[in-house]
Amino acid sequence: MVIHRQQKGYSLVELLLVLAIMGIFLAISIPALAQSMRRYSARAGVNEFVSHMRLARHLAIARHQPVDMTVGAEDYSLPNWSDGDIGTAGLREFSLPRACTIVSGTGTITFRTDGTISTGATTMRLEIALDGEITARYDIAISTAGQITTTYTQVTS
């Protein structure tokens, strides 16, 4: 009596075909994933910037001391409050992600002890450029009362 076993498993050709298909999918998806990561990093930088503005306003109210926030095209600074004093302890510097640039509204914003700003209502425009093209704009408006609002605009070419 002869017993035949059924073949189980995959041939080498089938395995190579699956690997080739996976390679094609990876080649297509990795550049898109990398661009998504850069876009996410830039948006996170914008959110951090706005959070620091809100923190500066909060500190001015909570500590009854004016807080200056100096904003440049690619960086900004706040008082160093780590020791509990926001007076003359020095400045803490922050950088925006490489893809982010503030194109208008740079300068010093002073939050008063009641949360208002000394300069009157102001608007900053922050642009995100990926691969040399502007892909998004954020308009950050600060009202005279100190309320901070952000408007996002996606730029399509």
C-alpha atoms as a PDB file:
ATOM      1  CA  MET A   1       0.000   0.000   0.000  1.00  0.00           C
ATOM      2  CA  VAL A   2       1.410   3.389  -1.066  1.00  0.00           C
ATOM      3  CA  ILE A   3       0.549   6.525   0.934  1.00  0.00           C
ATOM      4  CA  HIS A   4       0.828   9.864  -0.904  1.00  0.00           C
ATOM      5  CA  ARG A   5       1.327  12.958   1.116  1.00  0.00           C
ATOM      6  CA  GLN A   6      -0.237  16.168  -0.142  1.00  0.00           C
ATOM      7  CA  GLN A   7       2.193  18.954  -0.739  1.00  0.00           C
ATOM      8  CA  LYS A   8       1.976  21.746   1.783  1.00  0.00           C
ATOM      9  CA  GLY A   9       3.658  25.163   1.699  1.00  0.00           C
ATOM     10  CA  TYR A  10       4.596  27.687  -0.955  1.00  0.00           C
ATOM     11  CA  SER A  11       7.033  27.496  -3.804  1.00  0.00           C
ATOM     12  CA  LEU A  12      10.015  29.808  -4.087  1.00  0.00           C
ATOM     13  CA  VAL A  13       8.404  31.603  -7.033  1.00  0.00           C
ATOM     14  CA  GLU A  14       5.272  32.357  -4.987  1.00  0.00           C
ATOM     15  CA  LEU A  15       7.340  33.737  -2.106  1.00  0.00           C
ATOM     16  CA  LEU A  16       9.401  35.946  -4.426  1.00  0.00           C
ATOM     17  CA  LEU A  17       6.236  37.252  -6.069  1.00  0.00           C
ATOM     18  CA  VAL A  18       4.762  38.220  -2.691  1.00  0.00           C
ATOM     19  CA  LEU A  19       8.023  39.942  -1.702  1.00  0.00           C
ATOM     20  CA  ALA A  20       8.076  41.874  -4.987  1.00  0.00           C
ATOM     21  CA  ILE A  21       4.494  43.073  -4.483  1.00  0.00           C
ATOM     22  CA  MET A  22       5.278  44.115  -0.902  1.00  0.00           C
ATOM     23  CA  GLY A  23       8.351  45.991  -2.153  1.00  0.00           C
ATOM     24  CA  ILE A  24       6.254  47.917  -4.668  1.00  0.00           C
ATOM     25  CA  PHE A  25       3.744  48.907  -1.973  1.00  0.00           C
ATOM     26  CA  LEU A  26       6.544  50.033   0.346  1.00  0.00           C
ATOM     27  CA  ALA A  27       8.226  52.040  -2.421  1.00  0.00           C
ATOM     28  CA  ILE A  28       4.960  53.880  -3.013  1.00  0.00           C
ATOM     29  CA  SER A  29       3.961  54.415   0.609  1.00  0.00           C
ATOM     30  CA  ILE A  30       7.254  55.376   2.315  1.00  0.00           C
ATOM     31  CA  PRO A  31       7.656  58.808   0.622  1.00  0.00           C
ATOM     32  CA  ALA A  32       4.036  59.660   1.423  1.00  0.00           C
ATOM     33  CA  LEU A  33       4.565  58.533   5.012  1.00  0.00           C
ATOM     34  CA  ALA A  34       7.714  60.658   5.309  1.00  0.00           C
ATOM     35  CA  GLN A  35       5.869  63.744   4.047  1.00  0.00           C
ATOM     36  CA  SER A  36       3.004  63.066   6.449  1.00  0.00           C
ATOM     37  CA  MET A  37       5.489  62.878   9.325  1.00  0.00           C
ATOM     38  CA  ARG A  38       7.044  66.244   8.335  1.00  0.00           C
ATOM     39  CA  ARG A  39       3.574  67.796   8.055  1.00  0.00           C
ATOM     40  CA  TYR A  40       2.616  66.410  11.464  1.00  0.00           C
ATOM     41  CA  SER A  41       5.840  67.708  13.012  1.00  0.00           C
ATOM     42  CA  ALA A  42       5.200  71.189  11.612  1.00  0.00           C
ATOM     43  CA  ARG A  43       1.619  71.220  12.901  1.00  0.00           C
ATOM     44  CA  ALA A  44       2.806  70.048  16.310  1.00  0.00           C
ATOM     45  CA  GLY A  45       5.284  72.951  16.333  1.00  0.00           C
ATOM     46  CA  VAL A  46       2.470  75.404  15.602  1.00  0.00           C
ATOM     47  CA  ASN A  47       0.366  73.917  18.399  1.00  0.00           C
ATOM     48  CA  GLU A  48       3.302  74.196  20.805  1.00  0.00           C
ATOM     49  CA  PHE A  49       3.833  77.840  19.813  1.00  0.00           C
ATOM     50  CA  VAL A  50       0.171  78.691  20.459  1.00  0.00           C
ATOM     51  CA  SER A  51       0.269  76.757  23.751  1.00  0.00           C
ATOM     52  CA  HIS A  52       3.265  78.819  24.866  1.00  0.00           C
ATOM     53  CA  MET A  53       1.348  82.002  24.024  1.00  0.00           C
ATOM     54  CA  ARG A  54      -1.547  80.827  26.178  1.00  0.00           C
ATOM     55  CA  LEU A  55       0.877  79.877  28.945  1.00  0.00           C
ATOM     56  CA  ALA A  56       2.447  83.350  28.862  1.00  0.00           C
ATOM     57  CA  ARG A  57      -1.006  84.916  29.223  1.00  0.00           C
ATOM     58  CA  HIS A  58      -1.884  82.542  32.056  1.00  0.00           C
ATOM     59  CA  LEU A  59       1.361  83.344  33.898  1.00  0.00           C
ATOM     60  CA  ALA A  60       0.735  87.073  33.603  1.00  0.00           C
ATOM     61  CA  ILE A  61      -2.682  86.633  35.208  1.00  0.00           C
ATOM     62  CA  ALA A  62      -1.636  84.079  37.848  1.00  0.00           C
ATOM     63  CA  ARG A  63       1.495  85.913  39.011  1.00  0.00           C
ATOM     64  CA  HIS A  64       0.247  89.467  38.593  1.00  0.00           C
ATOM     65  CA  GLN A  65       3.287  90.358  36.497  1.00  0.00           C
ATOM     66  CA  PRO A  66       3.463  91.363  32.825  1.00  0.00           C
ATOM     67  CA  VAL A  67       4.973  88.679  30.595  1.00  0.00           C
ATOM     68  CA  ASP A  68       6.827  89.521  27.373  1.00  0.00           C
ATOM     69  CA  MET A  69       6.936  87.036  24.514  1.00  0.00           C
ATOM     70  CA  THR A  70       9.384  87.921  21.748  1.00  0.00           C
ATOM     71  CA  VAL A  71       8.540  86.385  18.378  1.00  0.00           C
ATOM     72  CA  GLY A  72      10.980  86.138  15.469  1.00  0.00           C
ATOM     73  CA  ALA A  73      10.595  84.588  12.025  1.00  0.00           C
ATOM     74  CA  GLU A  74      11.901  81.166  13.094  1.00  0.00           C
ATOM     75  CA  ASP A  75      12.044  81.294  16.888  1.00  0.00           C
ATOM     76  CA  TYR A  76      10.514  82.881  19.966  1.00  0.00           C
ATOM     77  CA  SER A  77      11.434  83.455  23.579  1.00  0.00           C
ATOM     78  CA  LEU A  78       9.649  83.564  26.907  1.00  0.00           C
ATOM     79  CA  PRO A  79      10.827  84.359  30.423  1.00  0.00           C
ATOM     80  CA  ASN A  80      12.406  81.408  32.188  1.00  0.00           C
ATOM     81  CA  TRP A  81       9.796  80.576  34.819  1.00  0.00           C
ATOM     82  CA  SER A  82      11.374  77.302  35.960  1.00  0.00           C
ATOM     83  CA  ASP A  83      12.627  78.831  39.219  1.00  0.00           C
ATOM     84  CA  GLY A  84       9.224  80.304  40.071  1.00  0.00           C
ATOM     85  CA  ASP A  85      10.199  83.874  39.193  1.00  0.00           C
ATOM     86  CA  ILE A  86       9.384  85.355  35.803  1.00  0.00           C
ATOM     87  CA  GLY A  87      11.248  88.580  36.391  1.00  0.00           C
ATOM     88  CA  THR A  88      14.905  88.703  35.408  1.00  0.00           C
ATOM     89  CA  ALA A  89      15.714  84.993  35.448  1.00  0.00           C
ATOM     90  CA  GLY A  90      16.624  85.101  31.769  1.00  0.00           C
ATOM     91  CA  LEU A  91      14.899  84.016  28.622  1.00  0.00           C
ATOM     92  CA  ARG A  92      14.016  80.587  27.403  1.00  0.00           C
ATOM     93  CA  GLU A  93      14.456  80.225  23.644  1.00  0.00           C
ATOM     94  CA  PHE A  94      12.272  78.011  21.450  1.00  0.00           C
ATOM     95  CA  SER A  95      12.651  77.218  17.760  1.00  0.00           C
ATOM     96  CA  LEU A  96       9.896  76.511  15.301  1.00  0.00           C
ATOM     97  CA  PRO A  97      10.271  73.379  13.155  1.00  0.00           C
ATOM     98  CA  ARG A  98      12.355  73.897   9.991  1.00  0.00           C
ATOM     99  CA  ALA A  99       9.256  73.894   7.790  1.00  0.00           C
ATOM    100  CA  CYS A 100       7.605  76.749   9.758  1.00  0.00           C
ATOM    101  CA  THR A 101       8.193  80.459   9.260  1.00  0.00           C
ATOM    102  CA  ILE A 102       6.371  83.421  10.762  1.00  0.00           C
ATOM    103  CA  VAL A 103       5.973  85.801   7.828  1.00  0.00           C
ATOM    104  CA  SER A 104       4.091  88.622   9.566  1.00  0.00           C
ATOM    105  CA  GLY A 105       3.419  89.795  13.086  1.00  0.00           C
ATOM    106  CA  THR A 106       6.863  89.322  14.592  1.00  0.00           C
ATOM    107  CA  GLY A 107       7.906  91.431  17.552  1.00  0.00           C
ATOM    108  CA  THR A 108       7.205  91.534  21.271  1.00  0.00           C
ATOM    109  CA  ILE A 109       3.813  90.728  22.751  1.00  0.00           C
ATOM    110  CA  THR A 110       3.279  91.864  26.325  1.00  0.00           C
ATOM    111  CA  PHE A 111       0.541  90.160  28.299  1.00  0.00           C
ATOM    112  CA  ARG A 112      -0.611  92.408  31.129  1.00  0.00           C
ATOM    113  CA  THR A 113      -1.640  91.239  34.582  1.00  0.00           C
ATOM    114  CA  ASP A 114      -5.305  91.105  33.542  1.00  0.00           C
ATOM    115  CA  GLY A 115      -4.557  88.957  30.454  1.00  0.00           C
ATOM    116  CA  THR A 116      -4.904  91.735  27.901  1.00  0.00           C
ATOM    117  CA  ILE A 117      -2.091  92.666  25.533  1.00  0.00           C
ATOM    118  CA  SER A 118      -0.447  96.060  25.528  1.00  0.00           C
ATOM    119  CA  THR A 119      -0.082  96.387  21.748  1.00  0.00           C
ATOM    120  CA  GLY A 120      -3.751  96.062  20.844  1.00  0.00           C
ATOM    121  CA  ALA A 121      -5.164  93.338  18.626  1.00  0.00           C
ATOM    122  CA  THR A 122      -2.540  91.669  16.467  1.00  0.00           C
ATOM    123  CA  THR A 123      -2.366  88.876  13.906  1.00  0.00           C
ATOM    124  CA  MET A 124       0.558  86.652  12.985  1.00  0.00           C
ATOM    125  CA  ARG A 125       0.795  84.559   9.855  1.00  0.00           C
ATOM    126  CA  LEU A 126       2.780  81.361  10.063  1.00  0.00           C
ATOM    127  CA  GLU A 127       3.465  79.359   6.896  1.00  0.00           C
ATOM    128  CA  ILE A 128       4.453  75.729   6.524  1.00  0.00           C
ATOM    129  CA  ALA A 129       6.616  74.930   3.509  1.00  0.00           C
ATOM    130  CA  LEU A 130       7.355  71.319   2.608  1.00  0.00           C
ATOM    131  CA  ASP A 131       9.748  70.573  -0.251  1.00  0.00           C
ATOM    132  CA  GLY A 132       9.974  74.279  -1.059  1.00  0.00           C
ATOM    133  CA  GLU A 133       6.224  74.792  -1.510  1.00  0.00           C
ATOM    134  CA  ILE A 134       3.884  76.456   0.959  1.00  0.00           C
ATOM    135  CA  THR A 135       1.357  73.812   1.967  1.00  0.00           C
ATOM    136  CA  ALA A 136      -0.451  75.477   4.871  1.00  0.00           C
ATOM    137  CA  ARG A 137      -0.992  78.805   6.593  1.00  0.00           C
ATOM    138  CA  TYR A 138      -1.959  79.557  10.157  1.00  0.00           C
ATOM    139  CA  ASP A 139      -3.343  82.944  11.085  1.00  0.00           C
ATOM    140  CA  ILE A 140      -2.913  83.424  14.822  1.00  0.00           C
ATOM    141  CA  ALA A 141      -5.012  86.307  16.095  1.00  0.00           C
ATOM    142  CA  ILE A 142      -4.678  87.829  19.543  1.00  0.00           C
ATOM    143  CA  SER A 143      -7.523  90.112  20.538  1.00  0.00           C
ATOM    144  CA  THR A 144      -7.047  93.140  22.747  1.00  0.00           C
ATOM    145  CA  ALA A 145      -8.531  91.063  25.577  1.00  0.00           C
ATOM    146  CA  GLY A 146      -5.785  88.464  25.060  1.00  0.00           C
ATOM    147  CA  GLN A 147      -7.934  85.748  23.471  1.00  0.00           C
ATOM    148  CA  ILE A 148      -5.875  83.663  21.051  1.00  0.00           C
ATOM    149  CA  THR A 149      -7.530  82.083  18.007  1.00  0.00           C
ATOM    150  CA  THR A 150      -5.950  80.057  15.232  1.00  0.00           C
ATOM    151  CA  THR A 151      -7.236  79.734  11.669  1.00  0.00           C
ATOM    152  CA  TYR A 152      -5.807  76.975   9.472  1.00  0.00           C
ATOM    153  CA  THR A 153      -5.774  77.279   5.686  1.00  0.00           C
ATOM    154  CA  GLN A 154      -4.513  74.501   3.451  1.00  0.00           C
ATOM    155  CA  VAL A 155      -2.775  75.815   0.347  1.00  0.00           C
ATOM    156  CA  THR A 156      -3.326  73.867  -2.851  1.00  0.00           C
ATOM    157  CA  SER A 157      -1.181  74.421  -5.884  1.00  0.00           C
END
